[in-house]
Amino acid sequence: MPIMWDLCSGLGGASEAFLANGWEVVRIENNNELGHVPNTIICSVEEFYESLETVCFEMEKPDLIWASPPCLEFSNAYNAPKSVAKRENVDFEPDMKLFHLCEKIIHQVNPEYWVIENVMGAQEYFNGILGEPTQIIESFCLWGEFPRIAMPVNYKHLKPDVGSKNPLRSNYRAKIPYEVSLQLLRAITEQTKLEDWL
């Protein structure tokens, strides 16, 4: 059974299609309010990284690691910290700790496929480390080692509006659409079938 680790998993959008199609999915999330999301382990990425030797001993190596560090630090949105700092002519350096931890996990585990996802504004900080995004799907920038994701021609992502008072609003707005998860699954599955023929 193929395995996926979904780091900073939130509502689990990135791994949704994989879970629905028989993959073993491990979701790592630090928000206690998201403990109801299936296959979610409530712990920080830092705690997960620190226990990696034990985890790798107890679990099989994943075929895919997806990481979506929170985007607020990198967002170009009007009220995001970076935009506010620019308007106030104040130096701004985002907190890159989660990004670096996700990157370390990927390099240490060395899965066949990996994706680090974030917003367009993250390119300013990620490109110097990871190079240009491997693929951009609307507002989602994807860096990594994965086969090209073929999205439907008429695909359009609409962020859900759950109201500004909802404590999980940022999670709903950041949730990776099912269609992106499904098309990545299909791309990986098709590549695996092709490799069987070679």
Protein backbone atom coordinates (compact mmCIF):
# COMPACT_ATOMS: atom_id res chain seq x y z
CA MET A 1 0.00 0.00 0.00
CA PRO A 2 1.52 3.36 -0.99
CA ILE A 3 2.06 5.90 1.78
CA MET A 4 1.72 9.70 1.96
CA TRP A 5 2.77 12.06 4.72
CA ASP A 6 0.86 15.35 4.73
CA LEU A 7 2.78 17.93 6.81
CA CYS A 8 0.97 21.04 8.10
CA SER A 9 -2.08 19.19 6.85
CA GLY A 10 -4.82 21.52 8.06
CA LEU A 11 -8.14 20.18 6.81
CA GLY A 12 -6.35 17.48 4.82
CA GLY A 13 -7.13 18.70 1.31
CA ALA A 14 -3.78 17.72 -0.22
CA SER A 15 -4.14 14.10 0.87
CA GLU A 16 -7.91 13.75 0.45
CA ALA A 17 -7.85 11.94 -2.91
CA PHE A 18 -5.00 9.69 -1.78
CA LEU A 19 -6.90 8.61 1.34
CA ALA A 20 -10.06 8.02 -0.72
CA ASN A 21 -8.10 5.83 -3.15
CA GLY A 22 -6.50 3.40 -0.73
CA TRP A 23 -3.24 5.11 0.22
CA GLU A 24 -2.09 5.04 3.81
CA VAL A 25 -2.13 8.72 4.82
CA VAL A 26 -0.46 10.26 7.88
CA ARG A 27 -1.48 13.88 8.51
CA ILE A 28 0.64 16.03 10.83
CA GLU A 29 -1.08 19.11 12.24
CA ASN A 30 -0.58 21.16 15.42
CA ASN A 31 -4.07 22.69 15.69
CA ASN A 32 -6.10 20.74 18.29
CA GLU A 33 -9.31 21.92 16.64
CA LEU A 34 -8.43 19.81 13.59
CA GLY A 35 -8.09 16.54 15.49
CA HIS A 36 -11.40 15.40 13.97
CA VAL A 37 -9.86 15.26 10.48
CA PRO A 38 -9.29 11.56 9.68
CA ASN A 39 -5.72 10.21 10.02
CA THR A 40 -4.51 13.39 11.75
CA ILE A 41 -1.81 13.21 14.40
CA ILE A 42 -1.84 16.33 16.54
CA CYS A 43 1.77 17.38 16.95
CA SER A 44 4.03 20.11 15.65
CA VAL A 45 6.26 19.54 12.64
CA GLU A 46 9.18 20.18 15.00
CA GLU A 47 8.03 17.37 17.33
CA PHE A 48 7.54 15.11 14.33
CA TYR A 49 11.03 15.95 13.03
CA GLU A 50 12.59 15.30 16.43
CA SER A 51 10.93 11.86 16.58
CA LEU A 52 11.79 11.03 12.96
CA GLU A 53 14.20 8.20 13.75
CA THR A 54 11.54 6.49 15.87
CA VAL A 55 8.80 7.25 13.33
CA CYS A 56 10.84 5.83 10.43
CA PHE A 57 11.55 2.72 12.48
CA GLU A 58 7.86 2.22 13.27
CA MET A 59 6.43 3.23 9.86
CA GLU A 60 7.36 2.37 6.33
CA LYS A 61 9.03 5.06 4.22
CA PRO A 62 6.43 7.25 2.48
CA ASP A 63 6.18 7.35 -1.29
CA LEU A 64 5.07 10.99 -1.17
CA ILE A 65 5.54 13.85 1.29
CA TRP A 66 3.41 16.96 0.87
CA ALA A 67 4.12 20.03 3.02
CA SER A 68 2.05 23.22 3.19
CA PRO A 69 3.68 25.52 5.76
CA PRO A 70 1.23 28.26 6.83
CA CYS A 71 1.19 31.01 4.22
CA LEU A 72 0.48 34.11 6.33
CA GLU A 73 4.17 35.05 6.58
CA PHE A 74 4.55 34.92 2.78
CA SER A 75 1.22 36.24 1.56
CA ASN A 76 0.92 39.39 -0.55
CA ALA A 77 -2.62 39.99 0.76
CA TYR A 78 -3.31 43.53 1.90
CA ASN A 79 -3.47 42.75 5.64
CA ALA A 80 -0.71 40.11 5.67
CA PRO A 81 2.38 41.00 7.76
CA LYS A 82 4.66 41.40 4.71
CA SER A 83 2.28 43.84 2.98
CA VAL A 84 1.70 45.83 6.18
CA ALA A 85 5.46 46.11 6.75
CA LYS A 86 6.04 47.31 3.18
CA ARG A 87 3.35 49.99 3.50
CA GLU A 88 4.93 51.14 6.76
CA ASN A 89 8.42 51.01 5.20
CA VAL A 90 9.57 48.52 7.84
CA ASP A 91 11.98 45.65 7.19
CA PHE A 92 10.24 42.28 7.19
CA GLU A 93 11.73 38.82 7.44
CA PRO A 94 9.28 35.89 7.50
CA ASP A 95 9.64 33.07 9.98
CA MET A 96 11.13 30.29 7.83
CA LYS A 97 11.36 27.71 10.63
CA LEU A 98 8.48 25.48 9.49
CA PHE A 99 9.64 25.62 5.88
CA HIS A 100 13.14 24.50 6.89
CA LEU A 101 11.79 21.71 9.10
CA CYS A 102 9.62 20.39 6.25
CA GLU A 103 12.62 20.59 3.93
CA LYS A 104 14.79 18.67 6.44
CA ILE A 105 12.17 15.93 6.79
CA ILE A 106 11.95 15.56 3.01
CA HIS A 107 15.74 15.39 2.61
CA GLN A 108 16.17 12.96 5.49
CA VAL A 109 13.38 10.58 4.43
CA ASN A 110 14.05 11.00 0.68
CA PRO A 111 10.68 9.87 -0.71
CA GLU A 112 10.24 9.22 -4.42
CA TYR A 113 7.88 12.23 -4.68
CA TRP A 114 7.65 15.40 -2.63
CA VAL A 115 5.83 18.73 -2.80
CA ILE A 116 6.23 21.95 -0.82
CA GLU A 117 3.22 24.18 -1.48
CA ASN A 118 2.64 27.82 -0.73
CA VAL A 119 1.28 31.10 -2.06
CA MET A 120 2.70 33.22 -4.88
CA GLY A 121 4.40 35.57 -2.38
CA ALA A 122 6.52 32.68 -1.08
CA GLN A 123 8.59 32.67 -4.28
CA GLU A 124 10.54 35.64 -2.94
CA TYR A 125 11.83 33.42 -0.12
CA PHE A 126 11.61 29.83 -1.43
CA ASN A 127 13.09 30.24 -4.92
CA GLY A 128 16.58 30.97 -3.59
CA ILE A 129 16.49 27.60 -1.81
CA LEU A 130 14.32 25.40 -4.05
CA GLY A 131 14.60 27.14 -7.41
CA GLU A 132 11.59 28.21 -9.47
CA PRO A 133 8.29 26.45 -8.67
CA THR A 134 7.97 23.10 -10.41
CA GLN A 135 4.37 23.98 -11.23
CA ILE A 136 1.92 26.80 -10.49
CA ILE A 137 -1.80 26.00 -10.37
CA GLU A 138 -3.68 29.29 -10.07
CA SER A 139 -2.63 30.68 -6.65
CA PHE A 140 -0.85 27.48 -5.57
CA CYS A 141 2.93 27.36 -6.07
CA LEU A 142 4.35 23.84 -5.95
CA TRP A 143 8.03 23.04 -5.58
CA GLY A 144 9.32 19.49 -5.62
CA GLU A 145 9.81 16.18 -7.35
CA PHE A 146 6.53 15.06 -8.87
CA PRO A 147 5.07 14.39 -12.32
CA ARG A 148 3.32 17.29 -14.01
CA ILE A 149 -0.23 17.73 -12.74
CA ALA A 150 -2.69 17.99 -15.65
CA MET A 151 -5.57 20.12 -14.42
CA PRO A 152 -8.85 20.25 -16.37
CA VAL A 153 -8.86 23.15 -18.85
CA ASN A 154 -11.93 24.77 -17.24
CA TYR A 155 -10.67 24.36 -13.65
CA LYS A 156 -11.22 27.40 -11.45
CA HIS A 157 -10.45 27.49 -7.73
CA LEU A 158 -12.86 29.46 -5.56
CA LYS A 159 -11.90 29.97 -1.92
CA PRO A 160 -14.81 29.18 0.40
CA ASP A 161 -16.19 32.03 2.46
CA VAL A 162 -16.95 30.67 5.91
CA GLY A 163 -17.20 34.08 7.57
CA SER A 164 -14.54 36.14 9.31
CA LYS A 165 -15.63 34.94 12.77
CA ASN A 166 -14.98 31.25 12.03
CA PRO A 167 -11.88 30.17 14.04
CA LEU A 168 -10.88 27.82 11.21
CA ARG A 169 -11.36 30.41 8.45
CA SER A 170 -7.68 30.45 7.46
CA ASN A 171 -7.69 26.63 7.29
CA TYR A 172 -10.72 26.60 4.99
CA ARG A 173 -9.21 29.27 2.75
CA ALA A 174 -5.86 27.45 2.60
CA LYS A 175 -7.35 23.99 1.99
CA ILE A 176 -5.89 22.36 -1.11
CA PRO A 177 -8.75 21.64 -3.53
CA TYR A 178 -9.76 18.02 -4.03
CA GLU A 179 -9.16 18.39 -7.77
CA VAL A 180 -5.47 19.23 -7.21
CA SER A 181 -5.09 16.22 -4.90
CA LEU A 182 -6.86 13.95 -7.38
CA GLN A 183 -4.83 15.09 -10.38
CA LEU A 184 -1.55 14.66 -8.47
CA LEU A 185 -2.66 11.14 -7.52
CA ARG A 186 -3.46 10.39 -11.18
CA ALA A 187 -0.11 11.81 -12.34
CA ILE A 188 1.80 9.64 -9.86
CA THR A 189 -0.29 6.55 -10.65
CA GLU A 190 0.15 7.00 -14.42
CA GLN A 191 3.89 7.52 -14.03
CA THR A 192 4.13 4.36 -11.91
CA LYS A 193 2.25 2.38 -14.59
CA LEU A 194 4.54 3.78 -17.29
CA GLU A 195 7.63 2.76 -15.30
CA ASP A 196 6.25 -0.80 -15.12
CA TRP A 197 6.39 -0.92 -18.93
CA LEU A 198 9.99 0.33 -19.16
